[in-house]
PDB file of N, CA and C in Angstrom:
ATOM      1  N   MET A   1       1.120  -1.029  -0.210  1.00  0.00           N
ATOM      2  CA  MET A   1      -0.110   0.107   0.043  1.00  0.00           C
ATOM      3  C   MET A   1       0.811   1.233   0.280  1.00  0.00           C
ATOM      4  N   THR A   2       0.477   2.271  -0.989  1.00  0.00           N
ATOM      5  CA  THR A   2       1.426   3.473  -0.900  1.00  0.00           C
ATOM      6  C   THR A   2       1.060   4.239   0.291  1.00  0.00           C
ATOM      7  N   GLU A   3       1.634   5.262   0.462  1.00  0.00           N
ATOM      8  CA  GLU A   3       1.241   6.402   1.574  1.00  0.00           C
ATOM      9  C   GLU A   3      -0.292   7.001   1.023  1.00  0.00           C
ATOM     10  N   ALA A   4      -0.586   7.276  -0.143  1.00  0.00           N
ATOM     11  CA  ALA A   4      -1.647   7.762  -0.433  1.00  0.00           C
ATOM     12  C   ALA A   4      -2.929   6.622  -0.464  1.00  0.00           C
ATOM     13  N   THR A   5      -2.740   5.544  -0.301  1.00  0.00           N
ATOM     14  CA  THR A   5      -3.882   4.754  -0.461  1.00  0.00           C
ATOM     15  C   THR A   5      -4.007   3.872   0.846  1.00  0.00           C
ATOM     16  N   LYS A   6      -3.393   4.335   1.808  1.00  0.00           N
ATOM     17  CA  LYS A   6      -3.136   3.901   3.460  1.00  0.00           C
ATOM     18  C   LYS A   6      -4.405   4.382   3.695  1.00  0.00           C
ATOM     19  N   PRO A   7      -5.256   3.596   4.599  1.00  0.00           N
ATOM     20  CA  PRO A   7      -6.673   4.103   5.248  1.00  0.00           C
ATOM     21  C   PRO A   7      -6.038   4.991   6.259  1.00  0.00           C
ATOM     22  N   THR A   8      -6.792   6.237   6.642  1.00  0.00           N
ATOM     23  CA  THR A   8      -6.800   7.225   7.652  1.00  0.00           C
ATOM     24  C   THR A   8      -7.196   6.508   8.970  1.00  0.00           C
ATOM     25  N   PRO A   9      -6.275   6.341   9.889  1.00  0.00           N
ATOM     26  CA  PRO A   9      -6.451   6.057  10.995  1.00  0.00           C
ATOM     27  C   PRO A   9      -7.669   6.745  11.689  1.00  0.00           C
ATOM     28  N   ALA A  10      -8.234   6.322  12.789  1.00  0.00           N
ATOM     29  CA  ALA A  10      -9.449   6.822  13.405  1.00  0.00           C
ATOM     30  C   ALA A  10      -8.864   8.297  14.106  1.00  0.00           C
ATOM     31  N   ALA A  11      -9.669   9.203  14.763  1.00  0.00           N
ATOM     32  CA  ALA A  11      -8.967  10.246  15.104  1.00  0.00           C
ATOM     33  C   ALA A  11      -8.159  10.076  16.470  1.00  0.00           C
ATOM     34  N   PRO A  12      -8.887   9.375  17.338  1.00  0.00           N
ATOM     35  CA  PRO A  12      -7.711   8.876  18.589  1.00  0.00           C
ATOM     36  C   PRO A  12      -6.508   8.338  18.301  1.00  0.00           C
ATOM     37  N   GLU A  13      -6.713   7.306  17.369  1.00  0.00           N
ATOM     38  CA  GLU A  13      -5.446   6.580  16.859  1.00  0.00           C
ATOM     39  C   GLU A  13      -4.413   7.704  16.236  1.00  0.00           C
ATOM     40  N   ALA A  14      -4.978   8.188  15.339  1.00  0.00           N
ATOM     41  CA  ALA A  14      -4.176   9.302  14.883  1.00  0.00           C
ATOM     42  C   ALA A  14      -3.213  10.116  15.879  1.00  0.00           C
ATOM     43  N   LEU A  15      -4.118  10.891  16.622  1.00  0.00           N
ATOM     44  CA  LEU A  15      -3.519  11.777  17.622  1.00  0.00           C
ATOM     45  C   LEU A  15      -2.533  11.022  18.672  1.00  0.00           C
ATOM     46  N   ILE A  16      -2.619   9.543  18.891  1.00  0.00           N
ATOM     47  CA  ILE A  16      -1.835   8.826  19.712  1.00  0.00           C
ATOM     48  C   ILE A  16      -0.281   9.128  18.592  1.00  0.00           C
ATOM     49  N   LEU A  17      -0.510   8.439  17.587  1.00  0.00           N
ATOM     50  CA  LEU A  17       0.482   8.301  16.551  1.00  0.00           C
ATOM     51  C   LEU A  17       1.252   9.941  16.631  1.00  0.00           C
ATOM     52  N   GLU A  18       0.516  10.608  16.118  1.00  0.00           N
ATOM     53  CA  GLU A  18       1.017  11.991  16.422  1.00  0.00           C
ATOM     54  C   GLU A  18       2.047  12.504  17.723  1.00  0.00           C
ATOM     55  N   ILE A  19       1.529  12.387  18.615  1.00  0.00           N
ATOM     56  CA  ILE A  19       1.971  12.419  19.804  1.00  0.00           C
ATOM     57  C   ILE A  19       3.359  11.578  19.852  1.00  0.00           C
ATOM     58  N   ALA A  20       3.447  10.382  19.701  1.00  0.00           N
ATOM     59  CA  ALA A  20       4.656   9.403  19.513  1.00  0.00           C
ATOM     60  C   ALA A  20       5.677   9.756  18.654  1.00  0.00           C
ATOM     61  N   ALA A  21       5.170  10.287  17.481  1.00  0.00           N
ATOM     62  CA  ALA A  21       6.250  10.944  16.492  1.00  0.00           C
ATOM     63  C   ALA A  21       6.691  12.124  16.676  1.00  0.00           C
ATOM     64  N   LYS A  22       5.663  12.946  17.376  1.00  0.00           N
ATOM     65  CA  LYS A  22       6.889  14.264  17.665  1.00  0.00           C
ATOM     66  C   LYS A  22       7.435  14.034  19.218  1.00  0.00           C
ATOM     67  N   HIS A  23       7.142  13.411  20.308  1.00  0.00           N
ATOM     68  CA  HIS A  23       8.223  12.959  21.298  1.00  0.00           C
ATOM     69  C   HIS A  23       8.918  12.222  21.128  1.00  0.00           C
ATOM     70  N   PHE A  24       8.833  10.845  20.385  1.00  0.00           N
ATOM     71  CA  PHE A  24       9.842   9.884  20.341  1.00  0.00           C
ATOM     72  C   PHE A  24      10.383   9.741  19.035  1.00  0.00           C
ATOM     73  N   PHE A  25       9.781  10.473  18.084  1.00  0.00           N
ATOM     74  CA  PHE A  25      10.298  10.610  16.921  1.00  0.00           C
ATOM     75  C   PHE A  25      10.318   8.796  16.278  1.00  0.00           C
ATOM     76  N   ILE A  26       8.915   8.293  16.425  1.00  0.00           N
ATOM     77  CA  ILE A  26       8.534   6.921  16.153  1.00  0.00           C
ATOM     78  C   ILE A  26       7.791   6.944  14.678  1.00  0.00           C
ATOM     79  N   GLU A  27       8.092   6.216  13.757  1.00  0.00           N
ATOM     80  CA  GLU A  27       7.368   6.322  12.725  1.00  0.00           C
ATOM     81  C   GLU A  27       5.819   5.851  12.573  1.00  0.00           C
ATOM     82  N   THR A  28       5.805   4.307  13.704  1.00  0.00           N
ATOM     83  CA  THR A  28       4.438   3.645  13.540  1.00  0.00           C
ATOM     84  C   THR A  28       4.522   3.203  15.053  1.00  0.00           C
ATOM     85  N   LEU A  29       3.355   2.840  15.352  1.00  0.00           N
ATOM     86  CA  LEU A  29       3.026   2.216  16.814  1.00  0.00           C
ATOM     87  C   LEU A  29       2.772   0.575  16.558  1.00  0.00           C
ATOM     88  N   GLU A  30       2.611   0.202  15.278  1.00  0.00           N
ATOM     89  CA  GLU A  30       2.690  -0.997  14.688  1.00  0.00           C
ATOM     90  C   GLU A  30       3.688  -2.117  15.319  1.00  0.00           C
ATOM     91  N   THR A  31       3.177  -3.023  15.455  1.00  0.00           N
ATOM     92  CA  THR A  31       4.498  -4.299  16.141  1.00  0.00           C
ATOM     93  C   THR A  31       4.973  -4.654  14.930  1.00  0.00           C
ATOM     94  N   ARG A  32       6.344  -4.729  14.809  1.00  0.00           N
ATOM     95  CA  ARG A  32       7.282  -5.023  13.511  1.00  0.00           C
ATOM     96  C   ARG A  32       8.122  -6.319  13.886  1.00  0.00           C
ATOM     97  N   ASN A  33       7.942  -6.653  15.018  1.00  0.00           N
ATOM     98  CA  ASN A  33       8.868  -8.257  15.417  1.00  0.00           C
ATOM     99  C   ASN A  33      10.256  -8.094  14.962  1.00  0.00           C
ATOM    100  N   SER A  34      10.627  -6.798  15.801  1.00  0.00           N
ATOM    101  CA  SER A  34      12.144  -6.654  15.763  1.00  0.00           C
ATOM    102  C   SER A  34      12.641  -5.789  16.789  1.00  0.00           C
ATOM    103  N   ASP A  35      13.641  -6.079  17.612  1.00  0.00           N
ATOM    104  CA  ASP A  35      13.732  -5.425  18.883  1.00  0.00           C
ATOM    105  C   ASP A  35      14.401  -3.873  18.698  1.00  0.00           C
ATOM    106  N   ARG A  36      15.170  -3.768  17.036  1.00  0.00           N
ATOM    107  CA  ARG A  36      15.478  -2.618  16.952  1.00  0.00           C
ATOM    108  C   ARG A  36      14.528  -1.661  16.893  1.00  0.00           C
ATOM    109  N   LEU A  37      13.233  -2.002  16.140  1.00  0.00           N
ATOM    110  CA  LEU A  37      12.283  -1.545  15.527  1.00  0.00           C
ATOM    111  C   LEU A  37      11.329  -1.270  16.664  1.00  0.00           C
ATOM    112  N   ASP A  38      10.772  -2.030  17.668  1.00  0.00           N
ATOM    113  CA  ASP A  38       9.812  -2.244  18.371  1.00  0.00           C
ATOM    114  C   ASP A  38      10.121  -1.471  19.911  1.00  0.00           C
ATOM    115  N   PHE A  39      11.644  -1.153  19.879  1.00  0.00           N
ATOM    116  CA  PHE A  39      11.945  -0.806  21.305  1.00  0.00           C
ATOM    117  C   PHE A  39      12.787   0.329  21.157  1.00  0.00           C
ATOM    118  N   HIS A  40      12.436   1.406  21.957  1.00  0.00           N
ATOM    119  CA  HIS A  40      13.024   2.414  22.120  1.00  0.00           C
ATOM    120  C   HIS A  40      13.660   2.795  23.446  1.00  0.00           C
ATOM    121  N   ASP A  41      14.721   3.459  23.313  1.00  0.00           N
ATOM    122  CA  ASP A  41      15.041   4.201  24.586  1.00  0.00           C
ATOM    123  C   ASP A  41      14.568   5.878  24.792  1.00  0.00           C
ATOM    124  N   VAL A  42      14.000   6.025  25.707  1.00  0.00           N
ATOM    125  CA  VAL A  42      13.354   7.303  25.904  1.00  0.00           C
ATOM    126  C   VAL A  42      13.654   8.249  27.192  1.00  0.00           C
ATOM    127  N   ALA A  43      14.034   9.519  26.854  1.00  0.00           N
ATOM    128  CA  ALA A  43      14.087  10.244  28.036  1.00  0.00           C
ATOM    129  C   ALA A  43      13.047  10.677  28.734  1.00  0.00           C
ATOM    130  N   VAL A  44      13.392  10.777  30.062  1.00  0.00           N
ATOM    131  CA  VAL A  44      12.064  10.877  31.007  1.00  0.00           C
ATOM    132  C   VAL A  44      11.711  11.960  30.950  1.00  0.00           C
ATOM    133  N   TRP A  45      12.313  13.315  30.164  1.00  0.00           N
ATOM    134  CA  TRP A  45      11.805  14.470  29.871  1.00  0.00           C
ATOM    135  C   TRP A  45      10.500  14.560  28.627  1.00  0.00           C
ATOM    136  N   ALA A  46      11.244  13.248  27.629  1.00  0.00           N
ATOM    137  CA  ALA A  46      10.182  13.260  26.603  1.00  0.00           C
ATOM    138  C   ALA A  46       9.042  12.503  26.999  1.00  0.00           C
ATOM    139  N   MET A  47       9.155  11.464  27.948  1.00  0.00           N
ATOM    140  CA  MET A  47       8.106  10.744  28.166  1.00  0.00           C
ATOM    141  C   MET A  47       6.899  11.823  29.083  1.00  0.00           C
ATOM    142  N   ARG A  48       7.664  12.736  29.746  1.00  0.00           N
ATOM    143  CA  ARG A  48       6.935  13.618  30.475  1.00  0.00           C
ATOM    144  C   ARG A  48       6.109  14.611  29.621  1.00  0.00           C
ATOM    145  N   ALA A  49       6.889  14.921  28.458  1.00  0.00           N
ATOM    146  CA  ALA A  49       6.252  15.779  27.525  1.00  0.00           C
ATOM    147  C   ALA A  49       4.948  15.136  26.811  1.00  0.00           C
ATOM    148  N   ALA A  50       5.245  13.868  26.537  1.00  0.00           N
ATOM    149  CA  ALA A  50       4.148  13.019  25.960  1.00  0.00           C
ATOM    150  C   ALA A  50       3.237  12.609  26.665  1.00  0.00           C
ATOM    151  N   LEU A  51       3.058  12.550  27.856  1.00  0.00           N
ATOM    152  CA  LEU A  51       1.910  12.340  28.826  1.00  0.00           C
ATOM    153  C   LEU A  51       1.124  13.490  28.694  1.00  0.00           C
ATOM    154  N   GLU A  52       1.929  14.923  29.229  1.00  0.00           N
ATOM    155  CA  GLU A  52       1.395  15.993  29.022  1.00  0.00           C
ATOM    156  C   GLU A  52       0.389  16.188  27.933  1.00  0.00           C
ATOM    157  N   ALA A  53       1.022  15.963  26.836  1.00  0.00           N
ATOM    158  CA  ALA A  53       0.190  16.225  25.497  1.00  0.00           C
ATOM    159  C   ALA A  53      -1.066  15.382  25.759  1.00  0.00           C
ATOM    160  N   ALA A  54      -0.496  13.902  25.833  1.00  0.00           N
ATOM    161  CA  ALA A  54      -2.149  13.164  26.082  1.00  0.00           C
ATOM    162  C   ALA A  54      -3.177  13.696  26.942  1.00  0.00           C
ATOM    163  N   TYR A  55      -2.569  13.968  27.921  1.00  0.00           N
ATOM    164  CA  TYR A  55      -3.576  14.730  29.085  1.00  0.00           C
ATOM    165  C   TYR A  55      -4.436  15.869  28.602  1.00  0.00           C
ATOM    166  N   GLU A  56      -3.657  16.710  28.037  1.00  0.00           N
ATOM    167  CA  GLU A  56      -4.123  17.831  27.524  1.00  0.00           C
ATOM    168  C   GLU A  56      -5.045  17.649  26.370  1.00  0.00           C
ATOM    169  N   ALA A  57      -4.910  16.528  25.382  1.00  0.00           N
ATOM    170  CA  ALA A  57      -5.678  16.323  24.566  1.00  0.00           C
ATOM    171  C   ALA A  57      -7.042  15.722  24.882  1.00  0.00           C
ATOM    172  N   GLY A  58      -6.847  14.627  26.075  1.00  0.00           N
ATOM    173  CA  GLY A  58      -8.117  14.287  26.787  1.00  0.00           C
ATOM    174  C   GLY A  58      -8.715  15.434  27.366  1.00  0.00           C
ATOM    175  N   ARG A  59      -8.281  16.342  28.060  1.00  0.00           N
ATOM    176  CA  ARG A  59      -8.888  17.534  28.871  1.00  0.00           C
ATOM    177  C   ARG A  59      -9.480  18.442  27.845  1.00  0.00           C
ATOM    178  N   ILE A  60      -9.140  18.592  26.322  1.00  0.00           N
ATOM    179  CA  ILE A  60      -9.828  19.445  25.588  1.00  0.00           C
ATOM    180  C   ILE A  60     -11.110  18.760  25.079  1.00  0.00           C
ATOM    181  N   ALA A  61     -10.818  17.275  24.760  1.00  0.00           N
ATOM    182  CA  ALA A  61     -11.822  16.316  24.088  1.00  0.00           C
ATOM    183  C   ALA A  61     -13.041  16.185  25.425  1.00  0.00           C
ATOM    184  N   GLY A  62     -12.555  16.457  26.559  1.00  0.00           N
ATOM    185  CA  GLY A  62     -13.685  16.437  27.379  1.00  0.00           C
ATOM    186  C   GLY A  62     -14.526  17.647  27.742  1.00  0.00           C
ATOM    187  N   ALA A  63     -13.685  18.429  27.603  1.00  0.00           N
ATOM    188  CA  ALA A  63     -14.405  19.973  27.560  1.00  0.00           C
ATOM    189  C   ALA A  63     -15.292  20.128  26.339  1.00  0.00           C
ATOM    190  N   LYS A  64     -14.925  19.717  25.292  1.00  0.00           N
ATOM    191  CA  LYS A  64     -15.471  19.941  24.100  1.00  0.00           C
ATOM    192  C   LYS A  64     -17.057  18.847  24.160  1.00  0.00           C
ATOM    193  N   ALA A  65     -16.684  18.007  24.631  1.00  0.00           N
ATOM    194  CA  ALA A  65     -17.868  16.955  24.884  1.00  0.00           C
ATOM    195  C   ALA A  65     -19.090  17.617  25.790  1.00  0.00           C
ATOM    196  N   THR A  66     -18.349  18.254  27.155  1.00  0.00           N
ATOM    197  CA  THR A  66     -19.253  18.884  27.993  1.00  0.00           C
ATOM    198  C   THR A  66     -19.734  20.075  27.257  1.00  0.00           C
ATOM    199  N   LEU A  67     -19.189  20.458  26.482  1.00  0.00           N
ATOM    200  CA  LEU A  67     -19.732  21.989  25.909  1.00  0.00           C
ATOM    201  C   LEU A  67     -21.061  21.714  25.185  1.00  0.00           C
ATOM    202  N   ALA A  68     -20.683  20.509  24.361  1.00  0.00           N
ATOM    203  CA  ALA A  68     -21.682  20.069  23.091  1.00  0.00           C
ATOM    204  C   ALA A  68     -23.236  19.575  23.912  1.00  0.00           C
ATOM    205  N   ALA A  69     -22.718  18.816  25.277  1.00  0.00           N
ATOM    206  CA  ALA A  69     -23.768  18.235  25.748  1.00  0.00           C
ATOM    207  C   ALA A  69     -24.685  19.704  26.237  1.00  0.00           C
ATOM    208  N   ALA A  70     -24.153  20.429  26.807  1.00  0.00           N
ATOM    209  CA  ALA A  70     -24.753  21.826  27.569  1.00  0.00           C
ATOM    210  C   ALA A  70     -25.366  22.425  26.457  1.00  0.00           C
ATOM    211  N   THR A  71     -25.115  22.633  25.488  1.00  0.00           N
ATOM    212  CA  THR A  71     -25.738  23.127  24.337  1.00  0.00           C
ATOM    213  C   THR A  71     -26.608  22.353  24.110  1.00  0.00           C
ATOM    214  N   ALA A  72     -26.733  21.393  23.663  1.00  0.00           N
ATOM    215  CA  ALA A  72     -27.595  20.532  22.983  1.00  0.00           C
ATOM    216  C   ALA A  72     -28.981  20.127  24.008  1.00  0.00           C
ATOM    217  N   CYS A  73     -28.589  20.404  25.303  1.00  0.00           N
ATOM    218  CA  CYS A  73     -29.809  20.627  26.301  1.00  0.00           C
ATOM    219  C   CYS A  73     -30.858  21.632  26.176  1.00  0.00           C
ATOM    220  N   ARG A  74     -30.301  22.796  25.391  1.00  0.00           N
ATOM    221  CA  ARG A  74     -31.093  24.098  25.419  1.00  0.00           C
ATOM    222  C   ARG A  74     -32.092  23.961  24.217  1.00  0.00           C
TER     223      ARG A  74
END
């Protein structure tokens, strides 16, 4: 499959991959059955930044859902 014909991952999956790529420089989160490709050394500050990004994404999604529910009740 070429890059153009790959199916687009679901939004949460795409966000998780985006965070992994940005903070850990990981191309995919798929298992590739290779220690060199599946295991990565990660600095604690990179792990912290990735966890903060994931937390913030969840907080924003929750706020949007709460706002949507509040406006739907009116």
